Amino acid sequence: MTGACPRGASAIRGVTVIVQVIVRDNNVDQALRALKKKMQREGVFREMKLRRHFEKPSEKKARERAEAIRRARKLLRKRMEREGY
C-alpha cells in the first residue's frame, strides 16, 4: 500500500479503518483499555505479529489452510452442540 495512513488509522489488507476512542473524565486508563479492545477486534495485534518476520508463500498457504480447518471444526462443534449431540 502506498502513502501514509492518517493519524489514528490502521491499514489492514488494504482497508483503512479509523479507530477513535473518547477519553471521558480524564480517565486515560479506561480509554487505553477501550483502544486495545478495538484494536484486538480489528486484528491489528495479530497482523503486527505476522509481519515481524517474512513468511514464505508456502508457509502462508499452510498457515491459512490450518486456520480454515480450525474454523470449520469450531463451526461443526458449535453446530453439534446446538443440535444436542
C-alpha atoms as a PDB file:
ATOM      1  CA  MET A   1       0.000   0.000   0.000  1.00  0.00           C
ATOM      2  CA  THR A   2       1.380   3.397  -0.868  1.00  0.00           C
ATOM      3  CA  GLY A   3       1.091   6.538   1.205  1.00  0.00           C
ATOM      4  CA  ALA A   4       0.719   7.018   4.904  1.00  0.00           C
ATOM      5  CA  CYS A   5      -2.427   6.427   6.893  1.00  0.00           C
ATOM      6  CA  PRO A   6      -3.977   9.392   8.672  1.00  0.00           C
ATOM      7  CA  ARG A   7      -3.464   9.633  12.399  1.00  0.00           C
ATOM      8  CA  GLY A   8      -5.459   7.045  14.285  1.00  0.00           C
ATOM      9  CA  ALA A   9      -5.992   4.835  11.252  1.00  0.00           C
ATOM     10  CA  SER A  10      -4.695   1.369  10.588  1.00  0.00           C
ATOM     11  CA  ALA A  11      -4.354  -0.271   7.190  1.00  0.00           C
ATOM     12  CA  ILE A  12      -5.044  -3.985   7.239  1.00  0.00           C
ATOM     13  CA  ARG A  13      -5.481  -5.888   3.995  1.00  0.00           C
ATOM     14  CA  GLY A  14      -5.983  -2.656   2.056  1.00  0.00           C
ATOM     15  CA  VAL A  15      -8.887  -1.456   4.191  1.00  0.00           C
ATOM     16  CA  THR A  16      -8.412   1.741   6.161  1.00  0.00           C
ATOM     17  CA  VAL A  17     -10.276   1.778   9.463  1.00  0.00           C
ATOM     18  CA  ILE A  18     -10.339   4.868  11.659  1.00  0.00           C
ATOM     19  CA  VAL A  19     -10.210   3.896  15.317  1.00  0.00           C
ATOM     20  CA  GLN A  20     -11.414   6.599  17.676  1.00  0.00           C
ATOM     21  CA  VAL A  21     -11.609   6.444  21.450  1.00  0.00           C
ATOM     22  CA  ILE A  22     -13.064   9.228  23.567  1.00  0.00           C
ATOM     23  CA  VAL A  23     -11.388   9.983  26.912  1.00  0.00           C
ATOM     24  CA  ARG A  24     -14.054  10.740  29.489  1.00  0.00           C
ATOM     25  CA  ASP A  25     -13.389  12.452  32.815  1.00  0.00           C
ATOM     26  CA  ASN A  26      -9.634  12.416  32.135  1.00  0.00           C
ATOM     27  CA  ASN A  27      -9.683   8.620  32.580  1.00  0.00           C
ATOM     28  CA  VAL A  28      -6.823   7.578  30.294  1.00  0.00           C
ATOM     29  CA  ASP A  29      -6.635   4.000  31.645  1.00  0.00           C
ATOM     30  CA  GLN A  30     -10.218   3.302  30.624  1.00  0.00           C
ATOM     31  CA  ALA A  31      -9.606   4.839  27.192  1.00  0.00           C
ATOM     32  CA  LEU A  32      -6.484   2.679  26.708  1.00  0.00           C
ATOM     33  CA  ARG A  33      -8.463  -0.458  27.585  1.00  0.00           C
ATOM     34  CA  ALA A  34     -11.134   0.513  25.063  1.00  0.00           C
ATOM     35  CA  LEU A  35      -8.482   1.188  22.392  1.00  0.00           C
ATOM     36  CA  LYS A  36      -6.787  -2.166  22.998  1.00  0.00           C
ATOM     37  CA  LYS A  37     -10.143  -3.947  22.777  1.00  0.00           C
ATOM     38  CA  LYS A  38     -10.965  -2.227  19.475  1.00  0.00           C
ATOM     39  CA  MET A  39      -7.519  -2.998  18.063  1.00  0.00           C
ATOM     40  CA  GLN A  40      -7.875  -6.641  19.125  1.00  0.00           C
ATOM     41  CA  ARG A  41     -11.261  -6.831  17.397  1.00  0.00           C
ATOM     42  CA  GLU A  42      -9.824  -5.320  14.197  1.00  0.00           C
ATOM     43  CA  GLY A  43      -6.945  -7.820  14.212  1.00  0.00           C
ATOM     44  CA  VAL A  44      -4.161  -5.224  14.448  1.00  0.00           C
ATOM     45  CA  PHE A  45      -2.102  -7.147  17.014  1.00  0.00           C
ATOM     46  CA  ARG A  46      -2.335 -10.380  15.026  1.00  0.00           C
ATOM     47  CA  GLU A  47      -1.286  -8.566  11.857  1.00  0.00           C
ATOM     48  CA  MET A  48       1.690  -6.965  13.626  1.00  0.00           C
ATOM     49  CA  LYS A  49       2.796 -10.354  14.949  1.00  0.00           C
ATOM     50  CA  LEU A  50       2.587 -11.903  11.482  1.00  0.00           C
ATOM     51  CA  ARG A  51       4.579  -9.065   9.912  1.00  0.00           C
ATOM     52  CA  ARG A  52       7.503  -9.236  12.348  1.00  0.00           C
ATOM     53  CA  HIS A  53       9.260 -11.746  10.116  1.00  0.00           C
ATOM     54  CA  PHE A  54       8.937 -12.597   6.449  1.00  0.00           C
ATOM     55  CA  GLU A  55       6.631 -15.521   5.835  1.00  0.00           C
ATOM     56  CA  LYS A  56       7.350 -17.648   2.794  1.00  0.00           C
ATOM     57  CA  PRO A  57       4.381 -18.114   0.453  1.00  0.00           C
ATOM     58  CA  SER A  58       4.361 -21.861   1.160  1.00  0.00           C
ATOM     59  CA  GLU A  59       4.271 -21.191   4.918  1.00  0.00           C
ATOM     60  CA  LYS A  60       1.475 -18.647   4.462  1.00  0.00           C
ATOM     61  CA  LYS A  61      -0.532 -21.145   2.423  1.00  0.00           C
ATOM     62  CA  ALA A  62      -0.063 -23.864   5.054  1.00  0.00           C
ATOM     63  CA  ARG A  63      -1.000 -21.464   7.882  1.00  0.00           C
ATOM     64  CA  GLU A  64      -4.126 -20.268   6.087  1.00  0.00           C
ATOM     65  CA  ARG A  65      -5.150 -23.867   5.342  1.00  0.00           C
ATOM     66  CA  ALA A  66      -4.701 -24.808   9.014  1.00  0.00           C
ATOM     67  CA  GLU A  67      -6.728 -21.746  10.086  1.00  0.00           C
ATOM     68  CA  ALA A  68      -9.534 -22.727   7.702  1.00  0.00           C
ATOM     69  CA  ILE A  69      -9.581 -26.274   9.091  1.00  0.00           C
ATOM     70  CA  ARG A  70      -9.681 -24.899  12.650  1.00  0.00           C
ATOM     71  CA  ARG A  71     -12.575 -22.570  11.761  1.00  0.00           C
ATOM     72  CA  ALA A  72     -14.511 -25.417  10.115  1.00  0.00           C
ATOM     73  CA  ARG A  73     -14.029 -27.704  13.133  1.00  0.00           C
ATOM     74  CA  LYS A  74     -15.111 -24.949  15.508  1.00  0.00           C
ATOM     75  CA  LEU A  75     -18.218 -24.283  13.408  1.00  0.00           C
ATOM     76  CA  LEU A  76     -19.027 -28.008  13.325  1.00  0.00           C
ATOM     77  CA  ARG A  77     -18.533 -28.252  17.107  1.00  0.00           C
ATOM     78  CA  LYS A  78     -20.889 -25.330  17.712  1.00  0.00           C
ATOM     79  CA  ARG A  79     -23.474 -26.760  15.315  1.00  0.00           C
ATOM     80  CA  MET A  80     -23.340 -30.162  17.028  1.00  0.00           C
ATOM     81  CA  GLU A  81     -23.658 -28.540  20.443  1.00  0.00           C
ATOM     82  CA  ARG A  82     -26.665 -26.507  19.270  1.00  0.00           C
ATOM     83  CA  GLU A  83     -28.368 -29.614  17.901  1.00  0.00           C
ATOM     84  CA  GLY A  84     -27.765 -31.550  21.116  1.00  0.00           C
ATOM     85  CA  TYR A  85     -25.310 -34.247  20.072  1.00  0.00           C
END
